[in-house]
Amino acid sequence: MSEQEIDLKKRRFLTGATSVVGAVGVGFVLVPFLSSWMPSARAKAAGAPVDVDITKLEEGQLVRVLWRKKPVWIFKRDKTALANLSAQDDVLVDPDNSEDQQPVYAKNAHRSINPEVAVIIGICTHLGCSPTYRPEVGAADLGGDEWKGGFYCPCHGSKFDLSGRVFKGVPAPTNLVIPPYHFVNDSLIRIGIDPKA
């Protein structure tokens, strides 16, 4: 074996070894770089659906959960509250829900899948305050006999009925928004996914 052949073998070995070490180094650099493009667990959770157990939800009771950093109200209406919904049409801006603020399956007077259980995003459509739940009928500070229960925004005085429809003559321009949701079963609501999704 000549000296020239030995140098050629050494050169090939060193070239191959350098290539392997370089490829491993590029892999160590690329993996964290490419994984930084993936959404974090926090970002995934921010848009994730939320499950709410309603087995212990009583008539008149309101439960608050967070979905996409927004407060969502789940509450149970009794028969009187449901009857009062249609009795208020003349004092509401959009009693027929003509605005696109609810899924198709909630385009009804009660704005929900199940008339007794309401699911509403608790953010006023005026400037984004969170209205207070005022289910008591006839509250003197909200109009006396005209008040059939609903939500009152303390920031600028907007009023909404128990299906989230806005009253006439208040700053809020539109009804409260209904999020996508469905009943997984009789006792579990999943907020963030439509029924047929």
Protein backbone atom coordinates (compact mmCIF):
# COMPACT_ATOMS: atom_id res chain seq x y z
CA MET A 1 0.00 0.00 0.00
CA SER A 2 1.38 3.32 -0.97
CA GLU A 3 1.41 6.45 1.10
CA GLN A 4 -0.99 8.12 -1.33
CA GLU A 5 -3.62 5.36 -0.84
CA ILE A 6 -3.36 5.64 2.96
CA ASP A 7 -3.87 9.44 2.80
CA LEU A 8 -6.91 8.94 0.54
CA LYS A 9 -8.44 6.45 3.04
CA LYS A 10 -7.76 8.85 5.93
CA ARG A 11 -9.30 11.71 3.97
CA ARG A 12 -12.45 9.68 3.20
CA PHE A 13 -12.75 8.60 6.85
CA LEU A 14 -12.31 12.15 8.12
CA THR A 15 -14.80 13.50 5.55
CA GLY A 16 -17.39 10.87 6.51
CA ALA A 17 -16.86 11.42 10.26
CA THR A 18 -17.12 15.19 9.85
CA SER A 19 -20.34 14.77 7.83
CA VAL A 20 -21.91 12.56 10.52
CA VAL A 21 -20.94 14.94 13.34
CA GLY A 22 -22.22 17.90 11.28
CA ALA A 23 -25.57 16.15 10.60
CA VAL A 24 -26.01 15.38 14.29
CA GLY A 25 -25.22 19.02 15.13
CA VAL A 26 -27.74 20.28 12.56
CA GLY A 27 -30.34 17.93 14.09
CA PHE A 28 -29.70 19.35 17.56
CA VAL A 29 -30.22 22.86 16.20
CA LEU A 30 -33.26 22.07 14.01
CA VAL A 31 -35.37 20.14 16.53
CA PRO A 32 -35.82 23.03 19.02
CA PHE A 33 -36.19 25.49 16.15
CA LEU A 34 -38.95 23.51 14.44
CA SER A 35 -40.69 22.69 17.72
CA SER A 36 -40.85 26.42 18.50
CA TRP A 37 -43.26 26.72 15.55
CA MET A 38 -45.72 24.37 17.26
CA PRO A 39 -48.35 25.97 19.52
CA SER A 40 -47.63 25.68 23.22
CA ALA A 41 -49.81 23.70 25.60
CA ARG A 42 -51.08 27.01 26.92
CA ALA A 43 -52.08 28.15 23.41
CA LYS A 44 -53.78 24.83 22.70
CA ALA A 45 -55.71 25.05 25.96
CA ALA A 46 -56.85 28.61 25.21
CA GLY A 47 -58.94 27.39 22.29
CA ALA A 48 -59.82 23.99 23.67
CA PRO A 49 -63.43 23.06 24.38
CA VAL A 50 -64.65 23.21 27.98
CA ASP A 51 -66.86 20.54 29.57
CA VAL A 52 -69.39 21.60 32.20
CA ASP A 53 -71.26 19.14 34.41
CA ILE A 54 -74.82 20.43 34.98
CA THR A 55 -76.16 17.59 37.14
CA LYS A 56 -76.31 19.85 40.22
CA LEU A 57 -77.53 22.97 38.38
CA GLU A 58 -80.74 24.16 40.03
CA GLU A 59 -83.42 26.47 38.66
CA GLY A 60 -82.21 30.06 38.80
CA GLN A 61 -78.61 29.05 39.49
CA LEU A 62 -75.84 30.46 37.29
CA VAL A 63 -72.43 28.83 36.79
CA ARG A 64 -69.49 30.71 35.27
CA VAL A 65 -66.68 29.06 33.28
CA LEU A 66 -63.87 30.43 31.13
CA TRP A 67 -63.66 29.55 27.44
CA ARG A 68 -61.08 31.30 25.24
CA LYS A 69 -60.51 33.77 28.10
CA LYS A 70 -64.18 34.78 28.01
CA PRO A 71 -66.70 34.26 30.81
CA VAL A 72 -69.47 31.88 29.77
CA TRP A 73 -72.66 31.67 31.80
CA ILE A 74 -74.64 28.46 32.12
CA PHE A 75 -77.91 28.81 34.00
CA LYS A 76 -81.23 27.04 34.37
CA ARG A 77 -84.50 28.86 33.69
CA ASP A 78 -87.77 27.88 35.34
CA LYS A 79 -91.18 27.82 33.61
CA THR A 80 -91.99 31.39 34.67
CA ALA A 81 -88.72 32.70 33.22
CA LEU A 82 -89.39 30.87 29.93
CA ALA A 83 -92.94 32.27 29.74
CA ASN A 84 -91.62 35.79 30.38
CA LEU A 85 -89.25 35.59 27.40
CA SER A 86 -92.03 35.95 24.81
CA ALA A 87 -93.80 38.60 26.92
CA GLN A 88 -90.90 41.03 26.44
CA ASP A 89 -90.62 41.12 22.64
CA ASP A 90 -91.94 44.70 22.37
CA VAL A 91 -89.16 46.12 24.61
CA LEU A 92 -86.29 44.30 22.85
CA VAL A 93 -84.11 45.57 19.98
CA ASP A 94 -83.83 42.20 18.21
CA PRO A 95 -86.35 39.72 19.66
CA ASP A 96 -86.13 37.48 16.57
CA ASN A 97 -82.32 37.15 16.71
CA SER A 98 -81.77 38.46 13.19
CA GLU A 99 -78.15 39.37 13.97
CA ASP A 100 -75.62 36.58 13.50
CA GLN A 101 -74.72 36.22 17.19
CA GLN A 102 -75.78 32.69 17.81
CA PRO A 103 -75.43 29.34 16.08
CA VAL A 104 -78.34 28.22 13.90
CA TYR A 105 -79.54 25.76 16.56
CA ALA A 106 -79.96 28.65 19.02
CA LYS A 107 -82.00 30.93 16.73
CA ASN A 108 -85.17 30.77 18.80
CA ALA A 109 -86.81 32.80 21.57
CA HIS A 110 -84.81 31.06 24.30
CA ARG A 111 -81.58 31.12 22.22
CA SER A 112 -80.52 27.66 23.33
CA ILE A 113 -80.69 23.98 22.44
CA ASN A 114 -82.61 23.07 25.58
CA PRO A 115 -85.11 25.82 26.55
CA GLU A 116 -84.37 25.39 30.26
CA VAL A 117 -80.55 25.58 30.04
CA ALA A 118 -78.95 28.75 28.68
CA VAL A 119 -75.32 29.09 27.57
CA ILE A 120 -74.26 32.71 26.96
CA ILE A 121 -70.95 34.58 26.69
CA GLY A 122 -71.02 37.06 29.57
CA ILE A 123 -69.56 40.09 27.81
CA CYS A 124 -71.65 43.19 27.12
CA THR A 125 -71.79 44.06 23.42
CA HIS A 126 -71.34 47.75 24.19
CA LEU A 127 -67.79 48.07 25.56
CA GLY A 128 -66.98 44.60 26.89
CA CYS A 129 -67.95 44.84 30.56
CA SER A 130 -69.43 41.80 32.28
CA PRO A 131 -73.11 42.26 33.18
CA THR A 132 -74.50 41.06 36.50
CA TYR A 133 -77.06 38.29 36.77
CA ARG A 134 -80.35 39.72 38.04
CA PRO A 135 -82.96 36.92 37.81
CA GLU A 136 -85.41 38.46 40.29
CA VAL A 137 -88.68 39.60 38.71
CA GLY A 138 -89.84 43.16 39.41
CA ALA A 139 -86.52 44.59 40.64
CA ALA A 140 -87.33 48.22 41.53
CA ASP A 141 -83.94 49.55 40.38
CA LEU A 142 -84.36 47.93 36.93
CA GLY A 143 -87.87 49.03 36.02
CA GLY A 144 -90.19 47.41 38.53
CA ASP A 145 -92.99 45.38 36.96
CA GLU A 146 -91.39 45.64 33.50
CA TRP A 147 -88.29 43.74 34.69
CA LYS A 148 -88.82 39.99 34.19
CA GLY A 149 -85.26 39.00 35.12
CA GLY A 150 -82.09 39.12 33.10
CA PHE A 151 -78.70 40.80 33.06
CA TYR A 152 -77.74 44.37 33.91
CA CYS A 153 -74.42 45.92 32.85
CA PRO A 154 -73.31 48.29 35.62
CA CYS A 155 -70.76 50.04 33.36
CA HIS A 156 -73.25 51.92 31.16
CA GLY A 157 -76.70 50.58 32.06
CA SER A 158 -77.40 48.07 29.29
CA LYS A 159 -80.08 45.47 30.05
CA PHE A 160 -80.60 42.00 28.60
CA ASP A 161 -83.35 39.44 29.15
CA LEU A 162 -82.76 35.87 30.34
CA SER A 163 -81.91 34.74 26.82
CA GLY A 164 -79.35 37.52 26.35
CA ARG A 165 -81.47 39.73 24.08
CA VAL A 166 -80.81 43.47 24.48
CA PHE A 167 -83.46 45.98 25.58
CA LYS A 168 -84.31 49.08 23.54
CA GLY A 169 -82.88 52.43 24.62
CA VAL A 170 -79.62 51.14 26.15
CA PRO A 171 -76.02 51.58 24.93
CA ALA A 172 -75.48 47.94 23.91
CA PRO A 173 -76.25 47.64 20.19
CA THR A 174 -76.79 43.88 19.92
CA ASN A 175 -77.75 40.76 21.85
CA LEU A 176 -75.21 38.84 23.92
CA VAL A 177 -73.29 36.21 21.95
CA ILE A 178 -74.09 32.50 22.19
CA PRO A 179 -70.97 30.30 21.88
CA PRO A 180 -70.91 27.04 19.94
CA TYR A 181 -71.86 24.20 22.29
CA HIS A 182 -73.67 20.91 22.51
CA PHE A 183 -74.92 18.38 25.03
CA VAL A 184 -72.58 15.40 25.24
CA ASN A 185 -75.29 13.75 27.36
CA ASP A 186 -78.10 14.94 29.67
CA SER A 187 -75.65 16.13 32.31
CA LEU A 188 -72.62 17.36 30.35
CA ILE A 189 -72.29 20.43 28.09
CA ARG A 190 -69.25 20.89 25.84
CA ILE A 191 -68.59 24.56 25.03
CA GLY A 192 -66.55 25.32 21.93
CA ILE A 193 -67.83 22.63 19.56
CA ASP A 194 -71.05 22.63 17.55
CA PRO A 195 -73.36 19.58 17.86
CA LYS A 196 -72.43 18.05 14.50
CA ALA A 197 -68.72 18.90 14.55
